[in-house]
Amino acid sequence: MTAPSVVVLDYGSGNVHSAVKALEAAGARVELTADRDAVMAADGLLVPGVGAFAAVMGALDAVRGPELIERRLAGDRKVLGICVGMQVMFERGVERGVETEGLGEWPGVVEELHAPVLPHMGWNTVSAPDDSALFAGIREERFYFVHSYAARSWDLDPIGAFRHPRVTWSEHGEPFVAAVENGPLSATQFHPEKSGEAGIRLLGNWLETL
């Protein structure tokens, strides 16, 4: 079998090279680019993200990232967001009083966690649905988080015959959304590329869905 092709969207985000290496370790052929044709042709698109919500949205806009993501999803082409790359999939983010419009793929707001210590940094468990494809065989593993902001609720109801999104939760001070599997769009708040063997296996699970 030919290894699936994945583009890691190159829009200036940090930590992209570790994501490339993790995907390669999971069995993908990986290209780091923002080239439109490459993005649209790949079997999967990974959207990384570190830093502030507003800064990530600005950088994505500069490479027409929102259009590329929307076109892939409209064609039922797989997209995986990581960390702030997950957060921008929601309607808006609020950081230090600054409200920024997100991609709006999911309803809801990303805001600061109510926790005694921020950022939430380190290994944590997750609570994944039994039918999760991302967490198949790794539901009991720990994953590596680095964030102060998150979606603290899930507000999308299933429409018609569409399958209900599979939402995975974690907790730091309060429950927050740790991962989502919603048709062609999946995302994790934690960093699979920093989560050791469990993260590689999760990326491998995603590659199997391409």
Foldseek 3Di string as FASTA:
>chain_A
DQAFEEEEEDLPAPPVVLVQVLLVVLGHHYDYYLDLVSLQPGQEYEYEHDDDLVVSVVSCVVSVNLVSVVVCVVVLRAYEYEASRVQLLEQWEADPNDIDGGSHVFYAYKYFDPAPDPDPFAWFAKQWDPPDLLCVPPNGAIFTAHGGIAGQDGDDDDDDPADGKTWMWTDHRHIGTQWIDGRRYIYGNTDLSPGPPSSSVSSSSVSVVD
